[in-house]
Structures are given as structure tokens and as C-alpha cells.
Amino acid sequence: MDMKALFLMLMFILGACFGSFLCCQARRMEYKEAKKGKKKKAPKLNKRSVCLKCGYKLKWYDNIPIVSWLLLKGKCRECKEKIGIAEILAEVLTGLAFLMLGTTLDMDWMSVRGTVDFILTFVFLISVVFLAIYDGISGKLPLVWLIVAIVIGAIKVITTNIIVAMMDGFDPSLIYMPIAAVAILGGVYLILYIVSKGRWVGDGDWLLGTAIGLALMEPWLALITLFIANVLACAVMAPVVKKTKNAKIYFGPFMVIGFVIAYTFSEFFFYALSGFYM
């Protein structure tokens, strides 16, 4: 097995572990919020993972990403209540997201800019994956985590601009391109939120779009992300909306998936669009 294949395999495993951990933290946050105001006693949470139904303390072999869920058939070992599909989805999709991000790192020729961009994108991905998981579970986007994602995206823009300016000289596009990307992703969802008065999209979607726009830094990648996110949201949620008239579409997970696809295959999209306009 060559180094690249080993690296990608490790990235998938690392992603699955992060997916498991972040989903656990999202469940804890959602559980604590739901618990407020309820008189009924519920299992107390501590540092160890527990079943939110019966309070069973999970053993280490109950927490192996993907494997444990499959062996337990998605049920608690103790009370046999369903764990939920969010856990397995978070682990698999986060593993794939990390693997896809790993393919963007050229291990044979690693430039300073490319390495720094990879590290910052990796940190950014962790923050937005948590937001996607929490949005998928509770239908909410925590403001604190949205601010964290925006700050990381801003640091990515500033750091990249400094490195490029030092190596190639300052270019005004380094400023207006990220702003345009933010205007496309964050702006569109903000307009939709204002026009629909919160019926079409949530109040946190435009902030997530702002963070992703900063991380992408390119308006054309923002457009591709917007297209992918909306197509996926319509395709996945159409049957649900058809059955339930008041069903809401939570765009967070779809925006993050769109971001991962657009970022990973940016070169493919660039050459595809270049050929289209030739």
C-alpha cells in the first residue's frame, strides 16, 4: 500500500471518529435543551457516553465508529431502543468528507500555501460538520458555532491573502472575490429568510452560507455549492414535504455537503466551466 492510499484510509477513519464524537456532542446539546422545562426525570449526562433512553453507560466496544452501530443493528445494547440513523450517517459522511478533503493534498509537491490551506480547511470542516449534524438532529444552528465557523473562514481568507501577497504581490481580487462568494451564499439565504419571514430557510442558514463563502473564497465555487445544496435538499426532502405540508427543509447539512463537493472537485468544475465557455 502506497503512502497516498494509507493517508486516505487514515483520513476516512479519522473522519468517522470525528463524526461519532461530534454527533455525540450534538446529541448532548439537543438533549440538554429538550430537557429544560420538563418535569419528567431523565438520565444524567456525564463524561462517558450513555444511552439517552435508559442511561446505560456505553463500553469502549459500543463506541467503535460504524462497526458498533452495525453490530448492534442501530439499537442500545441494554434497552434495545433504536439509537437512530443520525449516528451512522454522521460517521460515514464525515469519514467520506475527510477522505475527499485528503485527495486535495498533493503529497508529492506540497507548497506552503497548499499546506496551510489544507490545515485551515480541515479545521473549518470540523466546525461546519458539527453544525450540519446539529441542524440535522434539532433543526437549529447554534450561534456560537456559526461565529466560530465564520472566524475560521475569515482567518483562512486573511492567511491565504498574506501568503499570496508575499509570494506573487497584492491583487485586489484577493479582497473582492471572497466578498462576492459571501454575497452569493450568505446573501441569497438572507434574502430568502427575509422574504419568507423564516418559512423557507432558518435564521442561521445565511450565517452558515457566509462562513462557507469565506472558506471557498471564489464566487463561482459559491454558485456551485449553492446549486448542489439546493438540488440535494429538493431531491432528499421532496418526499417528506409532499407527505407533511408543514415540513421544513434544514439546509445546513446540504450546504456542508455542497461545500465538500465543490472544494474537492474545484479543478474539475473549473476545467468543465472553462470548456463550456470556450
C-alpha atoms as a PDB file:
ATOM      1  CA  MET A   1       0.000   0.000   0.000  1.00  0.00           C
ATOM      2  CA  ASP A   2       1.483   3.370  -1.030  1.00  0.00           C
ATOM      3  CA  MET A   3       1.585   6.424   1.226  1.00  0.00           C
ATOM      4  CA  LYS A   4      -1.291   8.198  -0.538  1.00  0.00           C
ATOM      5  CA  ALA A   5      -3.665   5.247  -0.120  1.00  0.00           C
ATOM      6  CA  LEU A   6      -2.636   4.838   3.534  1.00  0.00           C
ATOM      7  CA  PHE A   7      -3.152   8.562   4.134  1.00  0.00           C
ATOM      8  CA  LEU A   8      -6.640   8.491   2.610  1.00  0.00           C
ATOM      9  CA  MET A   9      -7.584   5.417   4.631  1.00  0.00           C
ATOM     10  CA  LEU A  10      -6.429   7.152   7.818  1.00  0.00           C
ATOM     11  CA  MET A  11      -8.387  10.273   6.824  1.00  0.00           C
ATOM     12  CA  PHE A  12     -11.575   8.212   6.466  1.00  0.00           C
ATOM     13  CA  ILE A  13     -11.036   6.548   9.868  1.00  0.00           C
ATOM     14  CA  LEU A  14     -10.257   9.909  11.460  1.00  0.00           C
ATOM     15  CA  GLY A  15     -13.377  11.381   9.856  1.00  0.00           C
ATOM     16  CA  ALA A  16     -15.553   8.533  11.139  1.00  0.00           C
ATOM     17  CA  CYS A  17     -14.155   9.098  14.654  1.00  0.00           C
ATOM     18  CA  PHE A  18     -14.827  12.827  14.444  1.00  0.00           C
ATOM     19  CA  GLY A  19     -18.314  12.131  13.100  1.00  0.00           C
ATOM     20  CA  SER A  20     -19.038   9.871  16.075  1.00  0.00           C
ATOM     21  CA  PHE A  21     -17.669  12.414  18.560  1.00  0.00           C
ATOM     22  CA  LEU A  22     -19.421  15.421  17.024  1.00  0.00           C
ATOM     23  CA  CYS A  23     -22.723  13.567  16.777  1.00  0.00           C
ATOM     24  CA  CYS A  24     -22.411  12.620  20.452  1.00  0.00           C
ATOM     25  CA  GLN A  25     -21.825  16.269  21.390  1.00  0.00           C
ATOM     26  CA  ALA A  26     -24.737  17.393  19.215  1.00  0.00           C
ATOM     27  CA  ARG A  27     -26.991  14.829  20.900  1.00  0.00           C
ATOM     28  CA  ARG A  28     -25.872  16.083  24.308  1.00  0.00           C
ATOM     29  CA  MET A  29     -26.623  19.699  23.392  1.00  0.00           C
ATOM     30  CA  GLU A  30     -30.011  18.821  21.922  1.00  0.00           C
ATOM     31  CA  TYR A  31     -30.819  16.605  24.922  1.00  0.00           C
ATOM     32  CA  LYS A  32     -29.999  19.338  27.433  1.00  0.00           C
ATOM     33  CA  GLU A  33     -32.129  21.851  25.520  1.00  0.00           C
ATOM     34  CA  ALA A  34     -35.068  19.445  25.294  1.00  0.00           C
ATOM     35  CA  LYS A  35     -34.707  18.533  28.974  1.00  0.00           C
ATOM     36  CA  LYS A  36     -35.222  22.133  30.115  1.00  0.00           C
ATOM     37  CA  GLY A  37     -38.716  22.741  31.417  1.00  0.00           C
ATOM     38  CA  LYS A  38     -39.608  19.032  31.568  1.00  0.00           C
ATOM     39  CA  LYS A  39     -40.632  17.623  34.934  1.00  0.00           C
ATOM     40  CA  LYS A  40     -40.040  14.030  33.895  1.00  0.00           C
ATOM     41  CA  LYS A  41     -36.745  12.619  35.142  1.00  0.00           C
ATOM     42  CA  ALA A  42     -34.172  11.777  32.527  1.00  0.00           C
ATOM     43  CA  PRO A  43     -30.762  10.098  32.634  1.00  0.00           C
ATOM     44  CA  LYS A  44     -27.985  12.397  33.820  1.00  0.00           C
ATOM     45  CA  LEU A  45     -25.145  13.047  31.452  1.00  0.00           C
ATOM     46  CA  ASN A  46     -21.503  12.744  32.459  1.00  0.00           C
ATOM     47  CA  LYS A  47     -18.187  12.487  30.662  1.00  0.00           C
ATOM     48  CA  ARG A  48     -18.940   8.969  29.427  1.00  0.00           C
ATOM     49  CA  SER A  49     -21.426   8.323  26.629  1.00  0.00           C
ATOM     50  CA  VAL A  50     -24.769   6.984  27.782  1.00  0.00           C
ATOM     51  CA  CYS A  51     -28.000   5.809  26.194  1.00  0.00           C
ATOM     52  CA  LEU A  52     -30.397   8.764  26.372  1.00  0.00           C
ATOM     53  CA  LYS A  53     -33.303   6.351  26.847  1.00  0.00           C
ATOM     54  CA  CYS A  54     -32.153   4.139  29.738  1.00  0.00           C
ATOM     55  CA  GLY A  55     -28.896   5.711  30.946  1.00  0.00           C
ATOM     56  CA  TYR A  56     -26.748   2.686  30.070  1.00  0.00           C
ATOM     57  CA  LYS A  57     -23.059   3.652  30.097  1.00  0.00           C
ATOM     58  CA  LEU A  58     -21.559   2.676  26.776  1.00  0.00           C
ATOM     59  CA  LYS A  59     -18.454   0.491  26.824  1.00  0.00           C
ATOM     60  CA  TRP A  60     -15.497   1.165  24.567  1.00  0.00           C
ATOM     61  CA  TYR A  61     -16.639  -1.523  22.147  1.00  0.00           C
ATOM     62  CA  ASP A  62     -20.007   0.220  21.846  1.00  0.00           C
ATOM     63  CA  ASN A  63     -18.273   3.337  20.537  1.00  0.00           C
ATOM     64  CA  ILE A  64     -16.323   1.991  17.558  1.00  0.00           C
ATOM     65  CA  PRO A  65     -17.408   4.212  14.646  1.00  0.00           C
ATOM     66  CA  ILE A  66     -19.640   2.500  12.072  1.00  0.00           C
ATOM     67  CA  VAL A  67     -18.725  -1.014  13.292  1.00  0.00           C
ATOM     68  CA  SER A  68     -20.539  -0.791  16.651  1.00  0.00           C
ATOM     69  CA  TRP A  69     -23.694   0.639  15.080  1.00  0.00           C
ATOM     70  CA  LEU A  70     -23.801  -2.174  12.528  1.00  0.00           C
ATOM     71  CA  LEU A  71     -23.115  -4.924  15.094  1.00  0.00           C
ATOM     72  CA  LEU A  72     -25.790  -3.545  17.433  1.00  0.00           C
ATOM     73  CA  LYS A  73     -28.156  -3.108  14.475  1.00  0.00           C
ATOM     74  CA  GLY A  74     -28.731   0.503  15.463  1.00  0.00           C
ATOM     75  CA  LYS A  75     -30.063  -0.375  18.927  1.00  0.00           C
ATOM     76  CA  CYS A  76     -28.962   0.129  22.529  1.00  0.00           C
ATOM     77  CA  ARG A  77     -27.246  -2.969  23.935  1.00  0.00           C
ATOM     78  CA  GLU A  78     -29.224  -2.676  27.191  1.00  0.00           C
ATOM     79  CA  CYS A  79     -32.771  -1.463  26.468  1.00  0.00           C
ATOM     80  CA  LYS A  80     -32.852  -2.366  22.740  1.00  0.00           C
ATOM     81  CA  GLU A  81     -34.280   1.063  21.852  1.00  0.00           C
ATOM     82  CA  LYS A  82     -33.268   2.391  18.448  1.00  0.00           C
ATOM     83  CA  ILE A  83     -30.183   4.604  18.557  1.00  0.00           C
ATOM     84  CA  GLY A  84     -31.161   6.485  15.424  1.00  0.00           C
ATOM     85  CA  ILE A  85     -29.816   6.754  11.902  1.00  0.00           C
ATOM     86  CA  ALA A  86     -28.135  10.121  12.545  1.00  0.00           C
ATOM     87  CA  GLU A  87     -25.167   8.393  14.190  1.00  0.00           C
ATOM     88  CA  ILE A  88     -24.279   6.085  11.319  1.00  0.00           C
ATOM     89  CA  LEU A  89     -24.878   8.842   8.762  1.00  0.00           C
ATOM     90  CA  ALA A  90     -22.639  11.256  10.682  1.00  0.00           C
ATOM     91  CA  GLU A  91     -19.837   8.687  10.901  1.00  0.00           C
ATOM     92  CA  VAL A  92     -19.968   7.566   7.261  1.00  0.00           C
ATOM     93  CA  LEU A  93     -20.478  11.007   5.718  1.00  0.00           C
ATOM     94  CA  THR A  94     -17.827  12.671   7.897  1.00  0.00           C
ATOM     95  CA  GLY A  95     -15.430   9.861   7.016  1.00  0.00           C
ATOM     96  CA  LEU A  96     -16.125  10.452   3.315  1.00  0.00           C
ATOM     97  CA  ALA A  97     -15.769  14.233   3.774  1.00  0.00           C
ATOM     98  CA  PHE A  98     -12.339  13.810   5.386  1.00  0.00           C
ATOM     99  CA  LEU A  99     -11.308  11.333   2.689  1.00  0.00           C
ATOM    100  CA  MET A 100     -12.397  13.749  -0.058  1.00  0.00           C
ATOM    101  CA  LEU A 101     -10.507  16.579   1.605  1.00  0.00           C
ATOM    102  CA  GLY A 102      -7.456  14.303   1.787  1.00  0.00           C
ATOM    103  CA  THR A 103      -7.478  13.888  -2.000  1.00  0.00           C
ATOM    104  CA  THR A 104      -6.845  17.639  -2.391  1.00  0.00           C
ATOM    105  CA  LEU A 105      -3.450  17.389  -0.668  1.00  0.00           C
ATOM    106  CA  ASP A 106      -0.663  16.720  -3.145  1.00  0.00           C
ATOM    107  CA  MET A 107       1.854  14.750  -1.093  1.00  0.00           C
ATOM    108  CA  ASP A 108       4.416  14.754  -3.925  1.00  0.00           C
ATOM    109  CA  TRP A 109       4.515  18.540  -4.216  1.00  0.00           C
ATOM    110  CA  MET A 110       3.414  20.373  -1.069  1.00  0.00           C
ATOM    111  CA  SER A 111       3.596  24.171  -1.322  1.00  0.00           C
ATOM    112  CA  VAL A 112       3.364  26.471   1.700  1.00  0.00           C
ATOM    113  CA  ARG A 113       0.055  27.889   0.525  1.00  0.00           C
ATOM    114  CA  GLY A 114      -1.397  24.457  -0.233  1.00  0.00           C
ATOM    115  CA  THR A 115      -0.384  23.022   3.139  1.00  0.00           C
ATOM    116  CA  VAL A 116      -1.698  25.999   5.123  1.00  0.00           C
ATOM    117  CA  ASP A 117      -4.924  25.990   3.108  1.00  0.00           C
ATOM    118  CA  PHE A 118      -5.377  22.259   3.770  1.00  0.00           C
ATOM    119  CA  ILE A 119      -4.876  22.660   7.534  1.00  0.00           C
ATOM    120  CA  LEU A 120      -7.276  25.609   7.798  1.00  0.00           C
ATOM    121  CA  THR A 121      -9.858  23.856   5.613  1.00  0.00           C
ATOM    122  CA  PHE A 122      -9.548  20.768   7.822  1.00  0.00           C
ATOM    123  CA  VAL A 123     -10.280  22.841  10.955  1.00  0.00           C
ATOM    124  CA  PHE A 124     -13.113  24.650   9.165  1.00  0.00           C
ATOM    125  CA  LEU A 125     -14.609  21.339   8.046  1.00  0.00           C
ATOM    126  CA  ILE A 126     -14.794  20.113  11.642  1.00  0.00           C
ATOM    127  CA  SER A 127     -16.739  23.219  12.686  1.00  0.00           C
ATOM    128  CA  VAL A 128     -19.284  23.042   9.851  1.00  0.00           C
ATOM    129  CA  VAL A 129     -19.725  19.264  10.178  1.00  0.00           C
ATOM    130  CA  PHE A 130     -20.818  19.828  13.768  1.00  0.00           C
ATOM    131  CA  LEU A 131     -23.270  22.487  12.566  1.00  0.00           C
ATOM    132  CA  ALA A 132     -24.607  20.130   9.888  1.00  0.00           C
ATOM    133  CA  ILE A 133     -25.114  17.326  12.401  1.00  0.00           C
ATOM    134  CA  TYR A 134     -26.796  19.569  14.961  1.00  0.00           C
ATOM    135  CA  ASP A 135     -29.032  21.110  12.310  1.00  0.00           C
ATOM    136  CA  GLY A 136     -29.999  17.658  11.078  1.00  0.00           C
ATOM    137  CA  ILE A 137     -30.846  16.487  14.593  1.00  0.00           C
ATOM    138  CA  SER A 138     -32.567  19.544  16.060  1.00  0.00           C
ATOM    139  CA  GLY A 139     -33.309  21.831  13.126  1.00  0.00           C
ATOM    140  CA  LYS A 140     -31.211  24.590  14.708  1.00  0.00           C
ATOM    141  CA  LEU A 141     -27.831  26.184  14.090  1.00  0.00           C
ATOM    142  CA  PRO A 142     -26.089  27.319  17.324  1.00  0.00           C
ATOM    143  CA  LEU A 143     -24.986  30.955  17.037  1.00  0.00           C
ATOM    144  CA  VAL A 144     -21.712  30.359  18.895  1.00  0.00           C
ATOM    145  CA  TRP A 145     -20.615  27.657  16.451  1.00  0.00           C
ATOM    146  CA  LEU A 146     -21.707  29.785  13.497  1.00  0.00           C
ATOM    147  CA  ILE A 147     -19.455  32.586  14.739  1.00  0.00           C
ATOM    148  CA  VAL A 148     -16.603  30.087  15.201  1.00  0.00           C
ATOM    149  CA  ALA A 149     -17.023  28.885  11.596  1.00  0.00           C
ATOM    150  CA  ILE A 150     -17.106  32.478  10.279  1.00  0.00           C
ATOM    151  CA  VAL A 151     -13.960  33.366  12.234  1.00  0.00           C
ATOM    152  CA  ILE A 152     -12.105  30.305  10.890  1.00  0.00           C
ATOM    153  CA  GLY A 153     -13.260  31.181   7.360  1.00  0.00           C
ATOM    154  CA  ALA A 154     -12.036  34.758   7.823  1.00  0.00           C
ATOM    155  CA  ILE A 155      -8.659  33.526   9.113  1.00  0.00           C
ATOM    156  CA  LYS A 156      -8.399  31.302   6.024  1.00  0.00           C
ATOM    157  CA  VAL A 157      -9.011  34.289   3.744  1.00  0.00           C
ATOM    158  CA  ILE A 158      -6.555  36.559   5.584  1.00  0.00           C
ATOM    159  CA  THR A 159      -3.830  33.897   5.786  1.00  0.00           C
ATOM    160  CA  THR A 160      -4.157  32.985   2.111  1.00  0.00           C
ATOM    161  CA  ASN A 161      -4.090  36.644   1.085  1.00  0.00           C
ATOM    162  CA  ILE A 162      -0.937  37.285   3.107  1.00  0.00           C
ATOM    163  CA  ILE A 163       0.863  34.244   1.650  1.00  0.00           C
ATOM    164  CA  VAL A 164      -0.168  35.086  -1.932  1.00  0.00           C
ATOM    165  CA  ALA A 165       0.716  38.763  -1.482  1.00  0.00           C
ATOM    166  CA  MET A 166       4.165  37.833  -0.148  1.00  0.00           C
ATOM    167  CA  MET A 167       4.875  35.402  -2.997  1.00  0.00           C
ATOM    168  CA  ASP A 168       3.142  36.979  -6.017  1.00  0.00           C
ATOM    169  CA  GLY A 169       2.287  40.516  -4.964  1.00  0.00           C
ATOM    170  CA  PHE A 170      -1.020  42.025  -3.880  1.00  0.00           C
ATOM    171  CA  ASP A 171      -4.033  41.590  -6.154  1.00  0.00           C
ATOM    172  CA  PRO A 172      -7.381  43.385  -5.495  1.00  0.00           C
ATOM    173  CA  SER A 173      -9.194  40.161  -6.401  1.00  0.00           C
ATOM    174  CA  LEU A 174      -7.932  38.686  -3.133  1.00  0.00           C
ATOM    175  CA  ILE A 175     -10.399  41.006  -1.400  1.00  0.00           C
ATOM    176  CA  TYR A 176     -13.415  41.224  -3.676  1.00  0.00           C
ATOM    177  CA  MET A 177     -13.555  37.527  -4.644  1.00  0.00           C
ATOM    178  CA  PRO A 178     -14.246  36.278  -1.075  1.00  0.00           C
ATOM    179  CA  ILE A 179     -16.738  39.143  -0.608  1.00  0.00           C
ATOM    180  CA  ALA A 180     -18.534  38.055  -3.785  1.00  0.00           C
ATOM    181  CA  ALA A 181     -18.598  34.441  -2.567  1.00  0.00           C
ATOM    182  CA  VAL A 182     -20.126  35.567   0.737  1.00  0.00           C
ATOM    183  CA  ALA A 183     -22.683  37.716  -1.115  1.00  0.00           C
ATOM    184  CA  ILE A 184     -23.757  34.711  -3.191  1.00  0.00           C
ATOM    185  CA  LEU A 185     -24.111  32.116  -0.428  1.00  0.00           C
ATOM    186  CA  GLY A 186     -24.862  34.236   2.623  1.00  0.00           C
ATOM    187  CA  GLY A 187     -26.753  36.881   0.645  1.00  0.00           C
ATOM    188  CA  VAL A 188     -29.113  34.502  -1.152  1.00  0.00           C
ATOM    189  CA  TYR A 189     -30.136  32.728   2.058  1.00  0.00           C
ATOM    190  CA  LEU A 190     -30.513  36.042   3.879  1.00  0.00           C
ATOM    191  CA  ILE A 191     -32.862  37.318   1.160  1.00  0.00           C
ATOM    192  CA  LEU A 192     -34.839  34.067   1.256  1.00  0.00           C
ATOM    193  CA  TYR A 193     -35.101  34.321   5.035  1.00  0.00           C
ATOM    194  CA  ILE A 194     -36.315  37.941   4.939  1.00  0.00           C
ATOM    195  CA  VAL A 195     -38.763  37.436   2.059  1.00  0.00           C
ATOM    196  CA  SER A 196     -40.285  34.255   3.514  1.00  0.00           C
ATOM    197  CA  LYS A 197     -40.140  35.535   7.107  1.00  0.00           C
ATOM    198  CA  GLY A 198     -38.340  32.352   8.141  1.00  0.00           C
ATOM    199  CA  ARG A 199     -40.691  29.911   6.400  1.00  0.00           C
ATOM    200  CA  TRP A 200     -38.289  28.813   3.640  1.00  0.00           C
ATOM    201  CA  VAL A 201     -34.950  28.901   5.434  1.00  0.00           C
ATOM    202  CA  GLY A 202     -33.821  29.297   9.042  1.00  0.00           C
ATOM    203  CA  ASP A 203     -32.227  32.370  10.596  1.00  0.00           C
ATOM    204  CA  GLY A 204     -28.835  30.629  10.814  1.00  0.00           C
ATOM    205  CA  ASP A 205     -28.599  29.441   7.200  1.00  0.00           C
ATOM    206  CA  TRP A 206     -27.314  32.754   5.885  1.00  0.00           C
ATOM    207  CA  LEU A 207     -24.603  32.828   8.563  1.00  0.00           C
ATOM    208  CA  LEU A 208     -23.519  29.307   7.607  1.00  0.00           C
ATOM    209  CA  GLY A 209     -23.537  30.433   3.975  1.00  0.00           C
ATOM    210  CA  THR A 210     -21.328  33.365   4.956  1.00  0.00           C
ATOM    211  CA  ALA A 211     -18.826  31.042   6.636  1.00  0.00           C
ATOM    212  CA  ILE A 212     -18.736  28.662   3.658  1.00  0.00           C
ATOM    213  CA  GLY A 213     -18.396  31.578   1.224  1.00  0.00           C
ATOM    214  CA  LEU A 214     -15.328  32.777   3.122  1.00  0.00           C
ATOM    215  CA  ALA A 215     -13.795  29.290   3.135  1.00  0.00           C
ATOM    216  CA  LEU A 216     -14.356  28.847  -0.612  1.00  0.00           C
ATOM    217  CA  MET A 217     -13.081  32.363  -1.451  1.00  0.00           C
ATOM    218  CA  GLU A 218     -14.280  32.012  -5.052  1.00  0.00           C
ATOM    219  CA  PRO A 219     -17.738  33.228  -6.234  1.00  0.00           C
ATOM    220  CA  TRP A 220     -18.026  30.530  -8.903  1.00  0.00           C
ATOM    221  CA  LEU A 221     -17.410  27.838  -6.265  1.00  0.00           C
ATOM    222  CA  ALA A 222     -20.065  29.511  -4.101  1.00  0.00           C
ATOM    223  CA  LEU A 223     -22.518  29.258  -7.008  1.00  0.00           C
ATOM    224  CA  ILE A 224     -21.727  25.564  -7.470  1.00  0.00           C
ATOM    225  CA  THR A 225     -22.162  24.961  -3.733  1.00  0.00           C
ATOM    226  CA  LEU A 226     -25.492  26.787  -3.797  1.00  0.00           C
ATOM    227  CA  PHE A 227     -26.655  24.718  -6.771  1.00  0.00           C
ATOM    228  CA  ILE A 228     -25.584  21.380  -5.255  1.00  0.00           C
ATOM    229  CA  ALA A 229     -27.086  22.211  -1.844  1.00  0.00           C
ATOM    230  CA  ASN A 230     -30.480  23.160  -3.272  1.00  0.00           C
ATOM    231  CA  VAL A 231     -30.650  20.224  -5.696  1.00  0.00           C
ATOM    232  CA  LEU A 232     -29.800  17.754  -2.905  1.00  0.00           C
ATOM    233  CA  ALA A 233     -32.244  19.398  -0.491  1.00  0.00           C
ATOM    234  CA  CYS A 234     -35.072  19.207  -3.017  1.00  0.00           C
ATOM    235  CA  ALA A 235     -34.256  15.622  -4.026  1.00  0.00           C
ATOM    236  CA  VAL A 236     -33.964  14.303  -0.458  1.00  0.00           C
ATOM    237  CA  MET A 237     -36.708  16.341   1.192  1.00  0.00           C
ATOM    238  CA  ALA A 238     -39.306  16.367  -1.615  1.00  0.00           C
ATOM    239  CA  PRO A 239     -40.975  13.106  -0.462  1.00  0.00           C
ATOM    240  CA  VAL A 240     -41.092  14.363   3.133  1.00  0.00           C
ATOM    241  CA  VAL A 241     -42.555  17.741   2.176  1.00  0.00           C
ATOM    242  CA  LYS A 242     -45.104  16.010  -0.046  1.00  0.00           C
ATOM    243  CA  LYS A 243     -46.362  13.896   2.869  1.00  0.00           C
ATOM    244  CA  THR A 244     -46.202  16.633   5.501  1.00  0.00           C
ATOM    245  CA  LYS A 245     -47.395  20.051   4.377  1.00  0.00           C
ATOM    246  CA  ASN A 246     -45.709  21.967   7.212  1.00  0.00           C
ATOM    247  CA  ALA A 247     -42.396  20.107   6.952  1.00  0.00           C
ATOM    248  CA  LYS A 248     -39.309  22.335   6.952  1.00  0.00           C
ATOM    249  CA  ILE A 249     -36.118  21.819   4.999  1.00  0.00           C
ATOM    250  CA  TYR A 250     -32.951  22.209   7.052  1.00  0.00           C
ATOM    251  CA  PHE A 251     -30.326  23.400   4.603  1.00  0.00           C
ATOM    252  CA  GLY A 252     -27.320  23.105   6.939  1.00  0.00           C
ATOM    253  CA  PRO A 253     -26.348  19.505   6.070  1.00  0.00           C
ATOM    254  CA  PHE A 254     -26.873  20.085   2.350  1.00  0.00           C
ATOM    255  CA  MET A 255     -24.767  23.259   2.330  1.00  0.00           C
ATOM    256  CA  VAL A 256     -21.905  21.425   4.020  1.00  0.00           C
ATOM    257  CA  ILE A 257     -22.155  18.527   1.542  1.00  0.00           C
ATOM    258  CA  GLY A 258     -22.190  21.067  -1.301  1.00  0.00           C
ATOM    259  CA  PHE A 259     -19.114  22.759   0.162  1.00  0.00           C
ATOM    260  CA  VAL A 260     -17.168  19.482   0.382  1.00  0.00           C
ATOM    261  CA  ILE A 261     -18.036  18.520  -3.209  1.00  0.00           C
ATOM    262  CA  ALA A 262     -17.298  21.987  -4.637  1.00  0.00           C
ATOM    263  CA  TYR A 263     -13.991  22.289  -2.772  1.00  0.00           C
ATOM    264  CA  THR A 264     -12.798  18.756  -3.541  1.00  0.00           C
ATOM    265  CA  PHE A 265     -13.636  18.875  -7.245  1.00  0.00           C
ATOM    266  CA  SER A 266     -12.822  22.558  -7.780  1.00  0.00           C
ATOM    267  CA  GLU A 267     -10.305  21.779 -10.544  1.00  0.00           C
ATOM    268  CA  PHE A 268     -12.816  19.559 -12.343  1.00  0.00           C
ATOM    269  CA  PHE A 269     -15.507  22.247 -12.166  1.00  0.00           C
ATOM    270  CA  PHE A 270     -13.014  24.897 -13.304  1.00  0.00           C
ATOM    271  CA  TYR A 271     -11.998  22.992 -16.429  1.00  0.00           C
ATOM    272  CA  ALA A 272     -15.583  21.940 -17.099  1.00  0.00           C
ATOM    273  CA  LEU A 273     -16.793  25.548 -16.964  1.00  0.00           C
ATOM    274  CA  SER A 274     -13.784  26.736 -18.996  1.00  0.00           C
ATOM    275  CA  GLY A 275     -14.653  24.242 -21.726  1.00  0.00           C
ATOM    276  CA  PHE A 276     -18.292  25.277 -21.627  1.00  0.00           C
ATOM    277  CA  TYR A 277     -17.471  28.936 -22.240  1.00  0.00           C
ATOM    278  CA  MET A 278     -14.818  28.300 -24.929  1.00  0.00           C
END
